[in-house]
Amino acid sequence: MAFTEFLDHMLANPLMFLAVMLTLGVILVNGWTDAPNAIATCVVTRCISARAAILMAAVFNFLGVYVMTLLNATVAETITKMVDFGNDPRSAIVALSAAMFAIVTWATLAFLFGIPTSESHALIAGLTGSAIALHSSLSGVNGSEWVKALYGIVISVAMGFGLGWLVCKTVTIAFRNVHRRKTEPIFRYAQIFGAACSAFMHGAQDGQKFMGIILLCQFLSLGQTPQAVVPPSWLMLLCSVIMACGTAIGGKKIIKSVGMDMVKLEKYQGFSADIAASASLMICSVLSLPVSTTHAKTTAIMGVGAVKSIKAINLGVVKEMVLTWILTFPGCGLIGFLMTKLFMWLF
């Protein structure tokens, strides 16, 4: 699908134009609420400046989208198959637009409080709420695909914490007889590498999800059944650039919440958290599980902090994050449901 062909079709279809613009808005919001998790640790430990980290994140987000899509595009396929918007193109695209509007609303509210939400789970919740509203029942929800999100939550949280503890403990033992001053340069560059890996895997996970939604807009507007296709390179680049713009606009607030408020990190700890989160995301991607970068990274940081002591973790910040995660499915799902009813009435 050429860019000019897609653009012509979008401009000729106002509802598709609305759905795509709202999806790009979700990607922008993801850039300032979710993407900063990937680079938070290397910024707060002063391994790299925020501006340089954002540029690095943009490059590796794109590489993550591009490489993982060529190797395994099943995360995008899982998202497109999770709900059924029916056979009426007009109703389907209106419902999808309402879902995207709900996600932007939910994420913006969380951002104002500086809480790193999961746009992955907001996406799933918004789509589900819209599908239920459209069908006035659960018939529009594909349970076999939806349950993968639940598996992803459990696996990514457990694996993030466990690998964070394991990697940090291994690093601590390996360098126990080395003077801290000598390890600083090593872990400075190691942490930049780890942050690049995190940004790569964030692109691999979240980039695929949002590309899947834009392709879903195309299918629904044409009245076609969503099918597995390889996203074009221009779409990968577009998603990466918009995500980077979002990170540049509002990423610092989330970087502070994740990298400073929850656990006071040193360079070796930041490296351990980055590697643990990247490994967790990689495994989930291979298993075709749509998971949250936020969940993987924050639980990895908790695991790293637990190596010293549970007291090293700011449990107050953790409680706020966990509460937001718990509320995302019912909260964003309800907004998606209500917005769909409203959009169906308006359009």
C-alpha atoms as a PDB file:
ATOM      1  CA  MET A   1       0.000   0.000   0.000  1.00  0.00           C
ATOM      2  CA  ALA A   2       1.611   3.243  -1.182  1.00  0.00           C
ATOM      3  CA  PHE A   3       1.422   6.354   1.003  1.00  0.00           C
ATOM      4  CA  THR A   4      -0.270   8.406  -1.729  1.00  0.00           C
ATOM      5  CA  GLU A   5      -2.919   5.711  -2.171  1.00  0.00           C
ATOM      6  CA  PHE A   6      -3.599   5.614   1.557  1.00  0.00           C
ATOM      7  CA  LEU A   7      -3.705   9.426   1.762  1.00  0.00           C
ATOM      8  CA  ASP A   8      -6.128   9.731  -1.159  1.00  0.00           C
ATOM      9  CA  HIS A   9      -8.450   7.163   0.381  1.00  0.00           C
ATOM     10  CA  MET A  10      -8.281   8.844   3.789  1.00  0.00           C
ATOM     11  CA  LEU A  11      -9.054  12.309   2.369  1.00  0.00           C
ATOM     12  CA  ALA A  12     -11.996  10.916   0.408  1.00  0.00           C
ATOM     13  CA  ASN A  13     -13.464   9.311   3.538  1.00  0.00           C
ATOM     14  CA  PRO A  14     -14.054  11.820   6.384  1.00  0.00           C
ATOM     15  CA  LEU A  15     -14.770   9.099   8.958  1.00  0.00           C
ATOM     16  CA  MET A  16     -11.570   7.246   8.119  1.00  0.00           C
ATOM     17  CA  PHE A  17      -9.708  10.568   8.304  1.00  0.00           C
ATOM     18  CA  LEU A  18     -11.129  11.091  11.816  1.00  0.00           C
ATOM     19  CA  ALA A  19     -10.175   7.561  12.906  1.00  0.00           C
ATOM     20  CA  VAL A  20      -6.617   7.845  11.590  1.00  0.00           C
ATOM     21  CA  MET A  21      -6.094  11.299  13.145  1.00  0.00           C
ATOM     22  CA  LEU A  22      -7.320  10.033  16.511  1.00  0.00           C
ATOM     23  CA  THR A  23      -5.024   7.001  16.224  1.00  0.00           C
ATOM     24  CA  LEU A  24      -2.075   9.300  15.509  1.00  0.00           C
ATOM     25  CA  GLY A  25      -3.170  11.249  18.598  1.00  0.00           C
ATOM     26  CA  VAL A  26      -2.980   8.040  20.625  1.00  0.00           C
ATOM     27  CA  ILE A  27       0.537   7.425  19.286  1.00  0.00           C
ATOM     28  CA  LEU A  28       1.525  10.981  20.279  1.00  0.00           C
ATOM     29  CA  VAL A  29       0.140  10.433  23.785  1.00  0.00           C
ATOM     30  CA  ASN A  30       1.972   7.093  23.939  1.00  0.00           C
ATOM     31  CA  GLY A  31       5.145   9.036  23.204  1.00  0.00           C
ATOM     32  CA  TRP A  32       4.792  11.181  26.308  1.00  0.00           C
ATOM     33  CA  THR A  33       3.292   8.600  28.676  1.00  0.00           C
ATOM     34  CA  ASP A  34       4.719   5.202  27.678  1.00  0.00           C
ATOM     35  CA  ALA A  35       7.817   5.630  25.509  1.00  0.00           C
ATOM     36  CA  PRO A  36       9.757   7.599  28.185  1.00  0.00           C
ATOM     37  CA  ASN A  37       9.878   4.430  30.293  1.00  0.00           C
ATOM     38  CA  ALA A  38      12.423   3.014  27.857  1.00  0.00           C
ATOM     39  CA  ILE A  39      14.901   5.859  28.387  1.00  0.00           C
ATOM     40  CA  ALA A  40      14.051   6.941  31.946  1.00  0.00           C
ATOM     41  CA  THR A  41      16.875   5.178  33.752  1.00  0.00           C
ATOM     42  CA  CYS A  42      19.748   6.349  31.537  1.00  0.00           C
ATOM     43  CA  VAL A  43      18.546   9.968  31.824  1.00  0.00           C
ATOM     44  CA  VAL A  44      18.132  10.090  35.605  1.00  0.00           C
ATOM     45  CA  THR A  45      21.539   8.458  36.185  1.00  0.00           C
ATOM     46  CA  ARG A  46      23.044  11.106  33.878  1.00  0.00           C
ATOM     47  CA  CYS A  47      24.475   8.664  31.403  1.00  0.00           C
ATOM     48  CA  ILE A  48      22.976  10.697  28.569  1.00  0.00           C
ATOM     49  CA  SER A  49      21.059  13.946  28.225  1.00  0.00           C
ATOM     50  CA  ALA A  50      17.295  13.950  27.818  1.00  0.00           C
ATOM     51  CA  ARG A  51      17.531  15.383  24.289  1.00  0.00           C
ATOM     52  CA  ALA A  52      20.053  12.775  23.166  1.00  0.00           C
ATOM     53  CA  ALA A  53      17.980  10.019  24.806  1.00  0.00           C
ATOM     54  CA  ILE A  54      14.857  11.135  22.952  1.00  0.00           C
ATOM     55  CA  LEU A  55      16.721  11.083  19.631  1.00  0.00           C
ATOM     56  CA  MET A  56      18.102   7.644  20.457  1.00  0.00           C
ATOM     57  CA  ALA A  57      14.622   6.446  21.394  1.00  0.00           C
ATOM     58  CA  ALA A  58      13.242   7.689  18.050  1.00  0.00           C
ATOM     59  CA  VAL A  59      15.873   5.771  16.076  1.00  0.00           C
ATOM     60  CA  PHE A  60      15.538   2.547  18.031  1.00  0.00           C
ATOM     61  CA  ASN A  61      11.748   2.726  18.167  1.00  0.00           C
ATOM     62  CA  PHE A  62      11.779   2.727  14.376  1.00  0.00           C
ATOM     63  CA  LEU A  63      14.314  -0.102  14.224  1.00  0.00           C
ATOM     64  CA  GLY A  64      12.232  -2.096  16.686  1.00  0.00           C
ATOM     65  CA  VAL A  65       9.104  -1.608  14.606  1.00  0.00           C
ATOM     66  CA  TYR A  66      10.886  -2.434  11.362  1.00  0.00           C
ATOM     67  CA  VAL A  67      12.944  -5.449  12.429  1.00  0.00           C
ATOM     68  CA  MET A  68      10.342  -7.159  14.611  1.00  0.00           C
ATOM     69  CA  THR A  69       7.592  -6.612  12.035  1.00  0.00           C
ATOM     70  CA  LEU A  70       9.695  -8.433   9.454  1.00  0.00           C
ATOM     71  CA  LEU A  71      10.495 -11.246  11.897  1.00  0.00           C
ATOM     72  CA  ASN A  72       7.190 -11.588  13.734  1.00  0.00           C
ATOM     73  CA  ALA A  73       4.159  -9.347  13.107  1.00  0.00           C
ATOM     74  CA  THR A  74       1.756 -11.398  15.232  1.00  0.00           C
ATOM     75  CA  VAL A  75       1.419  -8.735  17.971  1.00  0.00           C
ATOM     76  CA  ALA A  76      -0.244  -6.424  15.434  1.00  0.00           C
ATOM     77  CA  GLU A  77      -2.412  -9.312  14.221  1.00  0.00           C
ATOM     78  CA  THR A  78      -3.528 -10.101  17.781  1.00  0.00           C
ATOM     79  CA  ILE A  79      -4.728  -6.517  18.269  1.00  0.00           C
ATOM     80  CA  THR A  80      -6.703  -6.448  15.003  1.00  0.00           C
ATOM     81  CA  LYS A  81      -8.368  -9.787  15.801  1.00  0.00           C
ATOM     82  CA  MET A  82      -9.199  -8.983  19.421  1.00  0.00           C
ATOM     83  CA  VAL A  83     -12.566  -7.368  18.645  1.00  0.00           C
ATOM     84  CA  ASP A  84     -15.099  -7.499  15.836  1.00  0.00           C
ATOM     85  CA  PHE A  85     -16.631  -4.213  14.693  1.00  0.00           C
ATOM     86  CA  GLY A  86     -19.152  -5.900  12.396  1.00  0.00           C
ATOM     87  CA  ASN A  87     -19.798  -5.655   8.668  1.00  0.00           C
ATOM     88  CA  ASP A  88     -21.123  -2.102   8.431  1.00  0.00           C
ATOM     89  CA  PRO A  89     -18.125   0.090   7.419  1.00  0.00           C
ATOM     90  CA  ARG A  90     -19.685   3.303   8.720  1.00  0.00           C
ATOM     91  CA  SER A  91     -20.589   1.954  12.161  1.00  0.00           C
ATOM     92  CA  ALA A  92     -17.249   0.145  12.459  1.00  0.00           C
ATOM     93  CA  ILE A  93     -15.121   3.206  11.729  1.00  0.00           C
ATOM     94  CA  VAL A  94     -17.232   5.370  14.072  1.00  0.00           C
ATOM     95  CA  ALA A  95     -16.763   2.834  16.884  1.00  0.00           C
ATOM     96  CA  LEU A  96     -13.016   2.674  16.240  1.00  0.00           C
ATOM     97  CA  SER A  97     -12.812   6.486  16.343  1.00  0.00           C
ATOM     98  CA  ALA A  98     -14.645   6.505  19.671  1.00  0.00           C
ATOM     99  CA  ALA A  99     -12.187   3.950  21.069  1.00  0.00           C
ATOM    100  CA  MET A 100      -9.207   6.114  20.063  1.00  0.00           C
ATOM    101  CA  PHE A 101     -10.830   9.194  21.601  1.00  0.00           C
ATOM    102  CA  ALA A 102     -11.327   7.280  24.854  1.00  0.00           C
ATOM    103  CA  ILE A 103      -7.659   6.278  24.967  1.00  0.00           C
ATOM    104  CA  VAL A 104      -6.447   9.857  24.409  1.00  0.00           C
ATOM    105  CA  THR A 105      -8.779  11.065  27.186  1.00  0.00           C
ATOM    106  CA  TRP A 106      -7.629   8.403  29.663  1.00  0.00           C
ATOM    107  CA  ALA A 107      -3.925   8.838  28.923  1.00  0.00           C
ATOM    108  CA  THR A 108      -4.080  12.630  29.118  1.00  0.00           C
ATOM    109  CA  LEU A 109      -5.729  12.497  32.535  1.00  0.00           C
ATOM    110  CA  ALA A 110      -3.038  10.121  33.804  1.00  0.00           C
ATOM    111  CA  PHE A 111      -0.304  12.326  32.340  1.00  0.00           C
ATOM    112  CA  LEU A 112      -1.587  15.359  34.229  1.00  0.00           C
ATOM    113  CA  PHE A 113      -0.954  13.396  37.435  1.00  0.00           C
ATOM    114  CA  GLY A 114       2.469  12.210  36.213  1.00  0.00           C
ATOM    115  CA  ILE A 115       1.463   8.540  36.341  1.00  0.00           C
ATOM    116  CA  PRO A 116       2.949   6.261  33.627  1.00  0.00           C
ATOM    117  CA  THR A 117      -0.080   4.473  32.209  1.00  0.00           C
ATOM    118  CA  SER A 118      -0.075   1.540  29.853  1.00  0.00           C
ATOM    119  CA  GLU A 119      -1.284   2.647  26.432  1.00  0.00           C
ATOM    120  CA  SER A 120      -1.252  -1.020  25.437  1.00  0.00           C
ATOM    121  CA  HIS A 121      -3.914  -1.867  27.990  1.00  0.00           C
ATOM    122  CA  ALA A 122      -5.792   1.383  27.371  1.00  0.00           C
ATOM    123  CA  LEU A 123      -5.879   0.376  23.704  1.00  0.00           C
ATOM    124  CA  ILE A 124      -7.272  -3.061  24.518  1.00  0.00           C
ATOM    125  CA  ALA A 125      -9.801  -1.609  26.989  1.00  0.00           C
ATOM    126  CA  GLY A 126     -10.955   1.138  24.626  1.00  0.00           C
ATOM    127  CA  LEU A 127     -11.413  -1.269  21.710  1.00  0.00           C
ATOM    128  CA  THR A 128     -13.287  -3.728  23.923  1.00  0.00           C
ATOM    129  CA  GLY A 129     -15.627  -1.090  25.356  1.00  0.00           C
ATOM    130  CA  SER A 130     -16.397   0.193  21.860  1.00  0.00           C
ATOM    131  CA  ALA A 131     -17.088  -3.287  20.490  1.00  0.00           C
ATOM    132  CA  ILE A 132     -19.452  -4.052  23.381  1.00  0.00           C
ATOM    133  CA  ALA A 133     -21.288  -0.766  22.796  1.00  0.00           C
ATOM    134  CA  LEU A 134     -21.554  -1.411  19.062  1.00  0.00           C
ATOM    135  CA  HIS A 135     -23.012  -4.914  19.483  1.00  0.00           C
ATOM    136  CA  SER A 136     -24.785  -4.189  22.792  1.00  0.00           C
ATOM    137  CA  SER A 137     -23.288  -7.480  23.997  1.00  0.00           C
ATOM    138  CA  LEU A 138     -20.013  -9.367  24.391  1.00  0.00           C
ATOM    139  CA  SER A 139     -20.408 -10.949  20.954  1.00  0.00           C
ATOM    140  CA  GLY A 140     -17.957  -8.447  19.475  1.00  0.00           C
ATOM    141  CA  VAL A 141     -15.115  -9.594  21.762  1.00  0.00           C
ATOM    142  CA  ASN A 142     -12.836 -12.431  20.647  1.00  0.00           C
ATOM    143  CA  GLY A 143     -12.115 -14.157  23.942  1.00  0.00           C
ATOM    144  CA  SER A 144      -9.330 -16.407  22.619  1.00  0.00           C
ATOM    145  CA  GLU A 145      -7.338 -13.366  21.488  1.00  0.00           C
ATOM    146  CA  TRP A 146      -8.349 -11.107  24.387  1.00  0.00           C
ATOM    147  CA  VAL A 147      -7.103 -13.592  26.978  1.00  0.00           C
ATOM    148  CA  LYS A 148      -3.583 -13.135  25.565  1.00  0.00           C
ATOM    149  CA  ALA A 149      -3.601  -9.670  27.144  1.00  0.00           C
ATOM    150  CA  LEU A 150      -4.240 -11.225  30.560  1.00  0.00           C
ATOM    151  CA  TYR A 151      -1.437 -13.733  30.026  1.00  0.00           C
ATOM    152  CA  GLY A 152       0.769 -10.837  29.003  1.00  0.00           C
ATOM    153  CA  ILE A 153       0.074  -8.898  32.199  1.00  0.00           C
ATOM    154  CA  VAL A 154       0.946 -11.813  34.462  1.00  0.00           C
ATOM    155  CA  ILE A 155       4.009 -12.893  32.490  1.00  0.00           C
ATOM    156  CA  SER A 156       5.472  -9.407  31.932  1.00  0.00           C
ATOM    157  CA  VAL A 157       5.015  -8.315  35.563  1.00  0.00           C
ATOM    158  CA  ALA A 158       6.432 -11.539  37.028  1.00  0.00           C
ATOM    159  CA  MET A 159       9.234 -11.738  34.495  1.00  0.00           C
ATOM    160  CA  GLY A 160      10.097  -8.032  34.780  1.00  0.00           C
ATOM    161  CA  PHE A 161      10.475  -8.203  38.560  1.00  0.00           C
ATOM    162  CA  GLY A 162      12.228 -11.584  38.540  1.00  0.00           C
ATOM    163  CA  LEU A 163      14.696 -10.727  35.794  1.00  0.00           C
ATOM    164  CA  GLY A 164      15.336  -7.296  37.333  1.00  0.00           C
ATOM    165  CA  TRP A 165      16.293  -8.938  40.626  1.00  0.00           C
ATOM    166  CA  LEU A 166      18.313 -11.690  38.914  1.00  0.00           C
ATOM    167  CA  VAL A 167      20.308  -9.432  36.564  1.00  0.00           C
ATOM    168  CA  CYS A 168      21.061  -6.887  39.292  1.00  0.00           C
ATOM    169  CA  LYS A 169      22.077  -9.614  41.746  1.00  0.00           C
ATOM    170  CA  THR A 170      24.362 -11.161  39.126  1.00  0.00           C
ATOM    171  CA  VAL A 171      25.971  -7.801  38.364  1.00  0.00           C
ATOM    172  CA  THR A 172      26.432  -7.091  42.069  1.00  0.00           C
ATOM    173  CA  ILE A 173      28.187 -10.426  42.629  1.00  0.00           C
ATOM    174  CA  ALA A 174      30.312 -10.139  39.470  1.00  0.00           C
ATOM    175  CA  PHE A 175      31.633  -6.675  40.423  1.00  0.00           C
ATOM    176  CA  ARG A 176      31.715  -7.053  44.202  1.00  0.00           C
ATOM    177  CA  ASN A 177      35.537  -6.828  44.318  1.00  0.00           C
ATOM    178  CA  VAL A 178      35.829  -3.954  41.825  1.00  0.00           C
ATOM    179  CA  HIS A 179      36.073  -0.402  43.108  1.00  0.00           C
ATOM    180  CA  ARG A 180      32.892   1.561  42.389  1.00  0.00           C
ATOM    181  CA  ARG A 181      34.813   4.355  40.639  1.00  0.00           C
ATOM    182  CA  LYS A 182      36.199   1.912  38.073  1.00  0.00           C
ATOM    183  CA  THR A 183      32.768   0.551  37.247  1.00  0.00           C
ATOM    184  CA  GLU A 184      31.203   3.951  36.542  1.00  0.00           C
ATOM    185  CA  PRO A 185      32.500   4.308  32.937  1.00  0.00           C
ATOM    186  CA  ILE A 186      31.615   0.670  32.198  1.00  0.00           C
ATOM    187  CA  PHE A 187      28.026   0.964  33.317  1.00  0.00           C
ATOM    188  CA  ARG A 188      27.591   4.399  31.774  1.00  0.00           C
ATOM    189  CA  TYR A 189      28.020   2.958  28.277  1.00  0.00           C
ATOM    190  CA  ALA A 190      26.360  -0.311  29.241  1.00  0.00           C
ATOM    191  CA  GLN A 191      23.287   1.603  30.373  1.00  0.00           C
ATOM    192  CA  ILE A 192      23.088   3.574  27.123  1.00  0.00           C
ATOM    193  CA  PHE A 193      23.136   0.213  25.345  1.00  0.00           C
ATOM    194  CA  GLY A 194      20.432  -1.092  27.683  1.00  0.00           C
ATOM    195  CA  ALA A 195      18.246   1.955  27.065  1.00  0.00           C
ATOM    196  CA  ALA A 196      18.644   1.475  23.308  1.00  0.00           C
ATOM    197  CA  CYS A 197      17.489  -2.136  23.746  1.00  0.00           C
ATOM    198  CA  SER A 198      14.468  -0.941  25.749  1.00  0.00           C
ATOM    199  CA  ALA A 199      13.560   1.610  23.073  1.00  0.00           C
ATOM    200  CA  PHE A 200      13.960  -1.075  20.398  1.00  0.00           C
ATOM    201  CA  MET A 201      11.585  -3.412  22.207  1.00  0.00           C
ATOM    202  CA  HIS A 202       9.123  -0.609  22.923  1.00  0.00           C
ATOM    203  CA  GLY A 203       8.930   0.006  19.183  1.00  0.00           C
ATOM    204  CA  ALA A 204       8.595  -3.723  18.570  1.00  0.00           C
ATOM    205  CA  GLN A 205       5.606  -3.955  20.928  1.00  0.00           C
ATOM    206  CA  ASP A 206       3.750  -0.629  20.853  1.00  0.00           C
ATOM    207  CA  GLY A 207       4.684   0.331  17.311  1.00  0.00           C
ATOM    208  CA  GLN A 208       3.162  -2.893  16.013  1.00  0.00           C
ATOM    209  CA  LYS A 209      -0.038  -2.356  17.997  1.00  0.00           C
ATOM    210  CA  PHE A 210      -0.683   1.109  16.610  1.00  0.00           C
ATOM    211  CA  MET A 211       0.244   0.176  13.069  1.00  0.00           C
ATOM    212  CA  GLY A 212      -2.285  -2.611  13.417  1.00  0.00           C
ATOM    213  CA  ILE A 213      -4.958  -0.033  14.340  1.00  0.00           C
ATOM    214  CA  ILE A 214      -4.179   2.209  11.353  1.00  0.00           C
ATOM    215  CA  LEU A 215      -4.368  -0.800   9.041  1.00  0.00           C
ATOM    216  CA  LEU A 216      -7.625  -1.747  10.759  1.00  0.00           C
ATOM    217  CA  CYS A 217      -8.956   1.722   9.863  1.00  0.00           C
ATOM    218  CA  GLN A 218      -8.181   0.962   6.230  1.00  0.00           C
ATOM    219  CA  PHE A 219      -9.881  -2.436   6.282  1.00  0.00           C
ATOM    220  CA  LEU A 220     -12.976  -1.216   8.124  1.00  0.00           C
ATOM    221  CA  SER A 221     -13.471   1.811   5.884  1.00  0.00           C
ATOM    222  CA  LEU A 222     -13.454  -0.502   2.854  1.00  0.00           C
ATOM    223  CA  GLY A 223     -15.783  -3.002   4.499  1.00  0.00           C
ATOM    224  CA  GLN A 224     -13.089  -5.672   4.370  1.00  0.00           C
ATOM    225  CA  THR A 225     -12.230  -8.337   6.918  1.00  0.00           C
ATOM    226  CA  PRO A 226      -8.931  -7.524   8.709  1.00  0.00           C
ATOM    227  CA  GLN A 227      -6.139  -9.797   7.524  1.00  0.00           C
ATOM    228  CA  ALA A 228      -2.432 -10.286   8.110  1.00  0.00           C
ATOM    229  CA  VAL A 229      -0.343  -7.857   6.050  1.00  0.00           C
ATOM    230  CA  VAL A 230       3.195  -6.509   6.387  1.00  0.00           C
ATOM    231  CA  PRO A 231       2.938  -2.793   7.273  1.00  0.00           C
ATOM    232  CA  PRO A 232       4.667  -0.526   4.721  1.00  0.00           C
ATOM    233  CA  SER A 233       7.901   1.242   5.656  1.00  0.00           C
ATOM    234  CA  TRP A 234       6.289   4.708   5.520  1.00  0.00           C
ATOM    235  CA  LEU A 235       3.812   3.631   8.203  1.00  0.00           C
ATOM    236  CA  MET A 236       6.623   2.371  10.447  1.00  0.00           C
ATOM    237  CA  LEU A 237       8.453   5.681  10.019  1.00  0.00           C
ATOM    238  CA  LEU A 238       5.305   7.737  10.642  1.00  0.00           C
ATOM    239  CA  CYS A 239       4.531   5.921  13.900  1.00  0.00           C
ATOM    240  CA  SER A 240       8.118   6.266  15.111  1.00  0.00           C
ATOM    241  CA  VAL A 241       8.361  10.001  14.348  1.00  0.00           C
ATOM    242  CA  ILE A 242       5.026  10.842  16.028  1.00  0.00           C
ATOM    243  CA  MET A 243       5.988   8.764  19.071  1.00  0.00           C
ATOM    244  CA  ALA A 244       9.304  10.635  19.307  1.00  0.00           C
ATOM    245  CA  CYS A 245       7.487  13.980  19.097  1.00  0.00           C
ATOM    246  CA  GLY A 246       5.286  12.922  22.006  1.00  0.00           C
ATOM    247  CA  THR A 247       8.325  11.971  24.075  1.00  0.00           C
ATOM    248  CA  ALA A 248       9.924  15.345  23.323  1.00  0.00           C
ATOM    249  CA  ILE A 249       6.744  17.189  24.361  1.00  0.00           C
ATOM    250  CA  GLY A 250       5.999  15.573  27.701  1.00  0.00           C
ATOM    251  CA  GLY A 251       8.416  12.745  28.448  1.00  0.00           C
ATOM    252  CA  LYS A 252      10.330  14.415  31.262  1.00  0.00           C
ATOM    253  CA  LYS A 253       7.447  14.144  33.733  1.00  0.00           C
ATOM    254  CA  ILE A 254       7.182  10.394  33.276  1.00  0.00           C
ATOM    255  CA  ILE A 255      10.972   9.985  33.299  1.00  0.00           C
ATOM    256  CA  LYS A 256      10.985  11.578  36.762  1.00  0.00           C
ATOM    257  CA  SER A 257       8.187   9.318  38.065  1.00  0.00           C
ATOM    258  CA  VAL A 258       9.771   6.103  36.806  1.00  0.00           C
ATOM    259  CA  GLY A 259      13.480   6.829  37.141  1.00  0.00           C
ATOM    260  CA  MET A 260      13.616   8.970  40.285  1.00  0.00           C
ATOM    261  CA  ASP A 261      10.490   8.767  42.421  1.00  0.00           C
ATOM    262  CA  MET A 262      10.061   4.990  42.573  1.00  0.00           C
ATOM    263  CA  VAL A 263      13.666   3.864  43.240  1.00  0.00           C
ATOM    264  CA  LYS A 264      16.856   5.911  43.529  1.00  0.00           C
ATOM    265  CA  LEU A 265      18.970   4.259  40.861  1.00  0.00           C
ATOM    266  CA  GLU A 266      22.688   3.971  40.313  1.00  0.00           C
ATOM    267  CA  LYS A 267      24.155   3.230  36.884  1.00  0.00           C
ATOM    268  CA  TYR A 268      24.569  -0.509  37.387  1.00  0.00           C
ATOM    269  CA  GLN A 269      20.985  -0.713  38.613  1.00  0.00           C
ATOM    270  CA  GLY A 270      19.687   1.227  35.629  1.00  0.00           C
ATOM    271  CA  PHE A 271      21.564  -1.131  33.310  1.00  0.00           C
ATOM    272  CA  SER A 272      20.102  -4.154  35.086  1.00  0.00           C
ATOM    273  CA  ALA A 273      16.550  -2.786  34.809  1.00  0.00           C
ATOM    274  CA  ASP A 274      16.954  -1.988  31.100  1.00  0.00           C
ATOM    275  CA  ILE A 275      18.295  -5.432  30.219  1.00  0.00           C
ATOM    276  CA  ALA A 276      15.649  -7.201  32.310  1.00  0.00           C
ATOM    277  CA  ALA A 277      12.769  -5.215  30.786  1.00  0.00           C
ATOM    278  CA  SER A 278      14.110  -5.700  27.242  1.00  0.00           C
ATOM    279  CA  ALA A 279      14.418  -9.457  27.744  1.00  0.00           C
ATOM    280  CA  SER A 280      10.882  -9.626  29.144  1.00  0.00           C
ATOM    281  CA  LEU A 281       9.457  -7.691  26.173  1.00  0.00           C
ATOM    282  CA  MET A 282      11.400  -9.821  23.700  1.00  0.00           C
ATOM    283  CA  ILE A 283      10.071 -13.078  25.138  1.00  0.00           C
ATOM    284  CA  CYS A 284       6.493 -11.769  25.135  1.00  0.00           C
ATOM    285  CA  SER A 285       6.849 -10.575  21.530  1.00  0.00           C
ATOM    286  CA  VAL A 286       8.035 -14.008  20.427  1.00  0.00           C
ATOM    287  CA  LEU A 287       5.019 -15.508  22.230  1.00  0.00           C
ATOM    288  CA  SER A 288       2.710 -13.041  20.351  1.00  0.00           C
ATOM    289  CA  LEU A 289       1.546 -11.502  23.637  1.00  0.00           C
ATOM    290  CA  PRO A 290       0.617  -7.789  23.566  1.00  0.00           C
ATOM    291  CA  VAL A 291       2.242  -6.439  26.732  1.00  0.00           C
ATOM    292  CA  SER A 292       2.997  -3.087  28.279  1.00  0.00           C
ATOM    293  CA  THR A 293       6.443  -1.493  28.206  1.00  0.00           C
ATOM    294  CA  THR A 294       5.390   0.388  31.345  1.00  0.00           C
ATOM    295  CA  HIS A 295       4.666  -2.817  33.251  1.00  0.00           C
ATOM    296  CA  ALA A 296       7.868  -4.540  32.157  1.00  0.00           C
ATOM    297  CA  LYS A 297      10.108  -1.556  32.924  1.00  0.00           C
ATOM    298  CA  THR A 298       8.592  -0.473  36.230  1.00  0.00           C
ATOM    299  CA  THR A 299       8.507  -3.997  37.652  1.00  0.00           C
ATOM    300  CA  ALA A 300      12.113  -4.510  36.506  1.00  0.00           C
ATOM    301  CA  ILE A 301      13.067  -1.378  38.444  1.00  0.00           C
ATOM    302  CA  MET A 302      11.216  -2.743  41.480  1.00  0.00           C
ATOM    303  CA  GLY A 303      13.134  -6.002  41.166  1.00  0.00           C
ATOM    304  CA  VAL A 304      16.413  -4.095  40.991  1.00  0.00           C
ATOM    305  CA  GLY A 305      15.507  -2.101  44.099  1.00  0.00           C
ATOM    306  CA  ALA A 306      14.560  -5.292  45.944  1.00  0.00           C
ATOM    307  CA  VAL A 307      18.161  -6.563  45.654  1.00  0.00           C
ATOM    308  CA  LYS A 308      19.138  -4.053  48.336  1.00  0.00           C
ATOM    309  CA  SER A 309      15.891  -4.007  50.300  1.00  0.00           C
ATOM    310  CA  ILE A 310      12.159  -3.690  49.786  1.00  0.00           C
ATOM    311  CA  LYS A 311      12.520  -0.440  51.721  1.00  0.00           C
ATOM    312  CA  ALA A 312      14.525   0.941  48.772  1.00  0.00           C
ATOM    313  CA  ILE A 313      11.287   0.985  46.767  1.00  0.00           C
ATOM    314  CA  ASN A 314       8.947   3.932  47.229  1.00  0.00           C
ATOM    315  CA  LEU A 315       5.797   1.935  47.863  1.00  0.00           C
ATOM    316  CA  GLY A 316       3.641   5.057  47.730  1.00  0.00           C
ATOM    317  CA  VAL A 317       4.559   5.647  44.076  1.00  0.00           C
ATOM    318  CA  VAL A 318       4.186   1.934  43.351  1.00  0.00           C
ATOM    319  CA  LYS A 319       0.656   1.931  44.803  1.00  0.00           C
ATOM    320  CA  GLU A 320      -0.333   4.862  42.568  1.00  0.00           C
ATOM    321  CA  MET A 321       0.975   3.047  39.498  1.00  0.00           C
ATOM    322  CA  VAL A 322      -0.659  -0.262  40.344  1.00  0.00           C
ATOM    323  CA  LEU A 323      -3.976   1.461  41.061  1.00  0.00           C
ATOM    324  CA  THR A 324      -3.811   3.147  37.649  1.00  0.00           C
ATOM    325  CA  TRP A 325      -3.066  -0.193  35.985  1.00  0.00           C
ATOM    326  CA  ILE A 326      -6.028  -1.813  37.732  1.00  0.00           C
ATOM    327  CA  LEU A 327      -8.370   1.020  36.804  1.00  0.00           C
ATOM    328  CA  THR A 328      -7.268   1.162  33.162  1.00  0.00           C
ATOM    329  CA  PHE A 329      -9.404  -1.738  31.924  1.00  0.00           C
ATOM    330  CA  PRO A 330     -12.713  -0.738  33.537  1.00  0.00           C
ATOM    331  CA  GLY A 331     -12.038   3.020  33.302  1.00  0.00           C
ATOM    332  CA  CYS A 332     -10.885   3.258  29.704  1.00  0.00           C
ATOM    333  CA  GLY A 333     -13.317   0.516  28.685  1.00  0.00           C
ATOM    334  CA  LEU A 334     -16.236   2.498  30.150  1.00  0.00           C
ATOM    335  CA  ILE A 335     -15.106   5.683  28.394  1.00  0.00           C
ATOM    336  CA  GLY A 336     -14.829   3.706  25.137  1.00  0.00           C
ATOM    337  CA  PHE A 337     -18.357   2.356  25.644  1.00  0.00           C
ATOM    338  CA  LEU A 338     -19.860   5.779  26.376  1.00  0.00           C
ATOM    339  CA  MET A 339     -17.948   7.526  23.582  1.00  0.00           C
ATOM    340  CA  THR A 340     -19.114   4.913  21.091  1.00  0.00           C
ATOM    341  CA  LYS A 341     -22.745   5.469  22.064  1.00  0.00           C
ATOM    342  CA  LEU A 342     -22.187   9.228  21.759  1.00  0.00           C
ATOM    343  CA  PHE A 343     -20.327   8.982  18.424  1.00  0.00           C
ATOM    344  CA  MET A 344     -23.017   6.687  16.997  1.00  0.00           C
ATOM    345  CA  TRP A 345     -25.617   9.295  17.933  1.00  0.00           C
ATOM    346  CA  LEU A 346     -23.563  12.202  16.520  1.00  0.00           C
ATOM    347  CA  PHE A 347     -22.507  10.535  13.287  1.00  0.00           C
END
